[in-house]
């Protein structure tokens, strides 16, 4: 049986997730002070940089870092944010790539591709690379049409 998926697409900026375009999405619980979440917020016209906020854990459930938009705000593991043209990567102190975010510019808008293997506080795999984007394991809590949080 063929399953249909509904996706809202922005005329300005989209993320590639679960083989679909989405203006924004939220996984996990951003309100909690210690639970996993990953927010790829809606990018408004006039802006091009993706707004990624997250609380990340390792495969054993150990807390790695918390990011708010362009900066790491908590970082007990000593991860580094390395900018490059069109994006940035987050790497562990050992040099292992944790998260890669890259935005491409097109004539009519922008597309952000996210790569990374991300776990929740229980060590459960929540996001993993899938071709040139990501696959989300479990439910996406919310497909965003409007900005979740303004920074």
C-alpha atoms as a PDB file:
ATOM      1  CA  UNK A   1       0.000   0.000   0.000  1.00  0.00           C
ATOM      2  CA  UNK A   2       1.320   3.457  -0.909  1.00  0.00           C
ATOM      3  CA  UNK A   3       1.535   5.867   2.011  1.00  0.00           C
ATOM      4  CA  UNK A   4       1.094   9.566   1.406  1.00  0.00           C
ATOM      5  CA  UNK A   5       3.008  12.117   3.434  1.00  0.00           C
ATOM      6  CA  UNK A   6       2.023  15.731   3.778  1.00  0.00           C
ATOM      7  CA  UNK A   7       4.695  18.383   3.739  1.00  0.00           C
ATOM      8  CA  UNK A   8       4.425  22.163   3.777  1.00  0.00           C
ATOM      9  CA  UNK A   9       7.055  23.814   1.596  1.00  0.00           C
ATOM     10  CA  UNK A  10       8.359  27.358   1.954  1.00  0.00           C
ATOM     11  CA  UNK A  11       8.982  29.558  -1.079  1.00  0.00           C
ATOM     12  CA  UNK A  12      12.021  31.011   0.729  1.00  0.00           C
ATOM     13  CA  UNK A  13      13.933  28.379   2.780  1.00  0.00           C
ATOM     14  CA  UNK A  14      13.537  24.661   3.480  1.00  0.00           C
ATOM     15  CA  UNK A  15      15.331  21.862   5.321  1.00  0.00           C
ATOM     16  CA  UNK A  16      15.671  18.411   3.751  1.00  0.00           C
ATOM     17  CA  UNK A  17      14.450  15.841   6.300  1.00  0.00           C
ATOM     18  CA  UNK A  18      12.868  12.388   5.866  1.00  0.00           C
ATOM     19  CA  UNK A  19      13.172  12.834   2.077  1.00  0.00           C
ATOM     20  CA  UNK A  20      10.872  15.863   2.225  1.00  0.00           C
ATOM     21  CA  UNK A  21      11.249  19.611   2.192  1.00  0.00           C
ATOM     22  CA  UNK A  22      10.068  21.424   5.320  1.00  0.00           C
ATOM     23  CA  UNK A  23      10.313  25.090   6.339  1.00  0.00           C
ATOM     24  CA  UNK A  24      11.059  23.931   9.898  1.00  0.00           C
ATOM     25  CA  UNK A  25      10.703  21.003  12.290  1.00  0.00           C
ATOM     26  CA  UNK A  26      10.994  20.114  15.963  1.00  0.00           C
ATOM     27  CA  UNK A  27      11.969  16.815  17.572  1.00  0.00           C
ATOM     28  CA  UNK A  28      11.961  16.291  21.325  1.00  0.00           C
ATOM     29  CA  UNK A  29      11.215  18.678  24.175  1.00  0.00           C
ATOM     30  CA  UNK A  30      12.827  22.149  24.048  1.00  0.00           C
ATOM     31  CA  UNK A  31      10.991  23.285  27.205  1.00  0.00           C
ATOM     32  CA  UNK A  32      12.669  20.715  29.467  1.00  0.00           C
ATOM     33  CA  UNK A  33      16.039  21.620  30.976  1.00  0.00           C
ATOM     34  CA  UNK A  34      17.613  18.196  30.399  1.00  0.00           C
ATOM     35  CA  UNK A  35      15.832  16.331  27.578  1.00  0.00           C
ATOM     36  CA  UNK A  36      16.950  15.935  23.967  1.00  0.00           C
ATOM     37  CA  UNK A  37      15.541  18.291  21.378  1.00  0.00           C
ATOM     38  CA  UNK A  38      16.428  19.422  17.883  1.00  0.00           C
ATOM     39  CA  UNK A  39      14.791  22.526  16.456  1.00  0.00           C
ATOM     40  CA  UNK A  40      15.352  23.557  12.847  1.00  0.00           C
ATOM     41  CA  UNK A  41      13.417  26.807  12.987  1.00  0.00           C
ATOM     42  CA  UNK A  42      11.721  28.617  10.122  1.00  0.00           C
ATOM     43  CA  UNK A  43      13.991  31.095   8.314  1.00  0.00           C
ATOM     44  CA  UNK A  44      12.177  34.307   7.433  1.00  0.00           C
ATOM     45  CA  UNK A  45      12.449  36.180   4.107  1.00  0.00           C
ATOM     46  CA  UNK A  46      15.471  38.459   4.151  1.00  0.00           C
ATOM     47  CA  UNK A  47      17.469  35.864   6.118  1.00  0.00           C
ATOM     48  CA  UNK A  48      19.429  32.912   4.805  1.00  0.00           C
ATOM     49  CA  UNK A  49      21.184  31.363   7.802  1.00  0.00           C
ATOM     50  CA  UNK A  50      19.400  28.350   9.327  1.00  0.00           C
ATOM     51  CA  UNK A  51      18.368  28.606  12.966  1.00  0.00           C
ATOM     52  CA  UNK A  52      19.319  25.337  14.641  1.00  0.00           C
ATOM     53  CA  UNK A  53      18.807  24.966  18.400  1.00  0.00           C
ATOM     54  CA  UNK A  54      19.467  21.660  20.123  1.00  0.00           C
ATOM     55  CA  UNK A  55      20.466  19.721  23.203  1.00  0.00           C
ATOM     56  CA  UNK A  56      22.692  16.823  22.146  1.00  0.00           C
ATOM     57  CA  UNK A  57      23.747  13.582  23.825  1.00  0.00           C
ATOM     58  CA  UNK A  58      26.136  10.769  22.960  1.00  0.00           C
ATOM     59  CA  UNK A  59      25.220   7.122  22.255  1.00  0.00           C
ATOM     60  CA  UNK A  60      25.373   6.344  26.008  1.00  0.00           C
ATOM     61  CA  UNK A  61      23.044   9.240  26.888  1.00  0.00           C
ATOM     62  CA  UNK A  62      25.806  11.527  28.163  1.00  0.00           C
ATOM     63  CA  UNK A  63      25.160  15.259  27.726  1.00  0.00           C
ATOM     64  CA  UNK A  64      27.411  16.818  25.059  1.00  0.00           C
ATOM     65  CA  UNK A  65      26.189  20.349  24.401  1.00  0.00           C
ATOM     66  CA  UNK A  66      23.334  22.775  23.984  1.00  0.00           C
ATOM     67  CA  UNK A  67      23.150  25.188  21.044  1.00  0.00           C
ATOM     68  CA  UNK A  68      21.041  28.296  20.588  1.00  0.00           C
ATOM     69  CA  UNK A  69      21.076  29.536  16.989  1.00  0.00           C
ATOM     70  CA  UNK A  70      24.714  30.438  16.197  1.00  0.00           C
ATOM     71  CA  UNK A  71      26.355  29.686  19.522  1.00  0.00           C
ATOM     72  CA  UNK A  72      27.057  26.824  21.886  1.00  0.00           C
ATOM     73  CA  UNK A  73      25.658  27.834  25.292  1.00  0.00           C
ATOM     74  CA  UNK A  74      26.526  24.722  27.348  1.00  0.00           C
ATOM     75  CA  UNK A  75      29.479  22.562  26.419  1.00  0.00           C
ATOM     76  CA  UNK A  76      30.790  20.233  29.146  1.00  0.00           C
ATOM     77  CA  UNK A  77      32.355  17.922  26.549  1.00  0.00           C
ATOM     78  CA  UNK A  78      34.422  20.652  24.849  1.00  0.00           C
ATOM     79  CA  UNK A  79      32.927  20.383  21.342  1.00  0.00           C
ATOM     80  CA  UNK A  80      33.899  22.991  18.749  1.00  0.00           C
ATOM     81  CA  UNK A  81      31.812  24.897  16.199  1.00  0.00           C
ATOM     82  CA  UNK A  82      33.760  25.157  12.944  1.00  0.00           C
ATOM     83  CA  UNK A  83      32.320  27.578  10.375  1.00  0.00           C
ATOM     84  CA  UNK A  84      32.903  27.084   6.642  1.00  0.00           C
ATOM     85  CA  UNK A  85      31.433  28.816   3.563  1.00  0.00           C
ATOM     86  CA  UNK A  86      27.694  28.087   3.552  1.00  0.00           C
ATOM     87  CA  UNK A  87      27.529  26.417   6.947  1.00  0.00           C
ATOM     88  CA  UNK A  88      29.265  24.943   9.963  1.00  0.00           C
ATOM     89  CA  UNK A  89      30.071  21.684  11.680  1.00  0.00           C
ATOM     90  CA  UNK A  90      30.161  20.689  15.329  1.00  0.00           C
ATOM     91  CA  UNK A  91      33.070  18.395  16.176  1.00  0.00           C
ATOM     92  CA  UNK A  92      34.001  16.538  19.341  1.00  0.00           C
ATOM     93  CA  UNK A  93      37.403  17.172  20.983  1.00  0.00           C
ATOM     94  CA  UNK A  94      38.674  14.009  19.250  1.00  0.00           C
ATOM     95  CA  UNK A  95      37.779  15.541  15.851  1.00  0.00           C
ATOM     96  CA  UNK A  96      34.732  13.371  15.170  1.00  0.00           C
ATOM     97  CA  UNK A  97      31.993  15.236  13.276  1.00  0.00           C
ATOM     98  CA  UNK A  98      28.831  15.400  15.381  1.00  0.00           C
ATOM     99  CA  UNK A  99      26.682  17.693  13.227  1.00  0.00           C
ATOM    100  CA  UNK A 100      27.096  19.259   9.803  1.00  0.00           C
ATOM    101  CA  UNK A 101      24.787  22.062   8.594  1.00  0.00           C
ATOM    102  CA  UNK A 102      25.125  23.395   5.046  1.00  0.00           C
ATOM    103  CA  UNK A 103      22.890  25.836   3.187  1.00  0.00           C
ATOM    104  CA  UNK A 104      22.749  26.097  -0.592  1.00  0.00           C
ATOM    105  CA  UNK A 105      21.504  29.171  -2.400  1.00  0.00           C
ATOM    106  CA  UNK A 106      19.231  28.813  -5.425  1.00  0.00           C
ATOM    107  CA  UNK A 107      17.642  31.443  -7.679  1.00  0.00           C
ATOM    108  CA  UNK A 108      14.384  31.335  -5.704  1.00  0.00           C
ATOM    109  CA  UNK A 109      15.485  30.446  -2.194  1.00  0.00           C
ATOM    110  CA  UNK A 110      17.641  28.359   0.124  1.00  0.00           C
ATOM    111  CA  UNK A 111      17.958  24.689   1.074  1.00  0.00           C
ATOM    112  CA  UNK A 112      19.674  23.498   4.250  1.00  0.00           C
ATOM    113  CA  UNK A 113      20.989  19.961   4.502  1.00  0.00           C
ATOM    114  CA  UNK A 114      21.759  18.558   7.944  1.00  0.00           C
ATOM    115  CA  UNK A 115      23.996  15.548   8.570  1.00  0.00           C
ATOM    116  CA  UNK A 116      24.706  13.844  11.859  1.00  0.00           C
ATOM    117  CA  UNK A 117      24.036  10.879  14.073  1.00  0.00           C
ATOM    118  CA  UNK A 118      22.190  12.276  17.100  1.00  0.00           C
ATOM    119  CA  UNK A 119      20.973  10.508  20.241  1.00  0.00           C
ATOM    120  CA  UNK A 120      18.572  11.393  23.045  1.00  0.00           C
ATOM    121  CA  UNK A 121      19.272  11.341  26.800  1.00  0.00           C
ATOM    122  CA  UNK A 122      18.479   7.603  26.891  1.00  0.00           C
ATOM    123  CA  UNK A 123      21.045   6.800  24.191  1.00  0.00           C
ATOM    124  CA  UNK A 124      18.336   6.142  21.604  1.00  0.00           C
ATOM    125  CA  UNK A 125      19.173   7.075  17.998  1.00  0.00           C
ATOM    126  CA  UNK A 126      16.909   9.981  16.952  1.00  0.00           C
ATOM    127  CA  UNK A 127      18.546  11.354  13.786  1.00  0.00           C
ATOM    128  CA  UNK A 128      20.966   9.762  11.339  1.00  0.00           C
ATOM    129  CA  UNK A 129      22.386  10.554   7.912  1.00  0.00           C
ATOM    130  CA  UNK A 130      20.281   9.447   4.958  1.00  0.00           C
ATOM    131  CA  UNK A 131      21.912  10.083   1.582  1.00  0.00           C
ATOM    132  CA  UNK A 132      22.625  13.838   1.640  1.00  0.00           C
ATOM    133  CA  UNK A 133      20.205  14.739   4.441  1.00  0.00           C
ATOM    134  CA  UNK A 134      18.791  13.189   7.632  1.00  0.00           C
ATOM    135  CA  UNK A 135      16.275  10.548   8.623  1.00  0.00           C
ATOM    136  CA  UNK A 136      14.385  11.080  11.874  1.00  0.00           C
ATOM    137  CA  UNK A 137      13.657   8.047  14.063  1.00  0.00           C
ATOM    138  CA  UNK A 138      10.429   8.286  16.000  1.00  0.00           C
ATOM    139  CA  UNK A 139       7.887  11.010  15.556  1.00  0.00           C
ATOM    140  CA  UNK A 140       8.664  14.510  14.439  1.00  0.00           C
ATOM    141  CA  UNK A 141       6.869  16.440  17.143  1.00  0.00           C
ATOM    142  CA  UNK A 142       5.983  19.356  14.960  1.00  0.00           C
ATOM    143  CA  UNK A 143       6.345  20.435  11.333  1.00  0.00           C
ATOM    144  CA  UNK A 144       6.755  24.197  11.562  1.00  0.00           C
ATOM    145  CA  UNK A 145       5.104  26.753   9.272  1.00  0.00           C
ATOM    146  CA  UNK A 146       5.994  29.787  11.420  1.00  0.00           C
ATOM    147  CA  UNK A 147       9.038  30.500  13.598  1.00  0.00           C
ATOM    148  CA  UNK A 148       8.954  28.561  16.873  1.00  0.00           C
ATOM    149  CA  UNK A 149      11.292  30.948  18.653  1.00  0.00           C
ATOM    150  CA  UNK A 150      12.657  34.306  17.590  1.00  0.00           C
ATOM    151  CA  UNK A 151      16.371  34.960  18.204  1.00  0.00           C
END
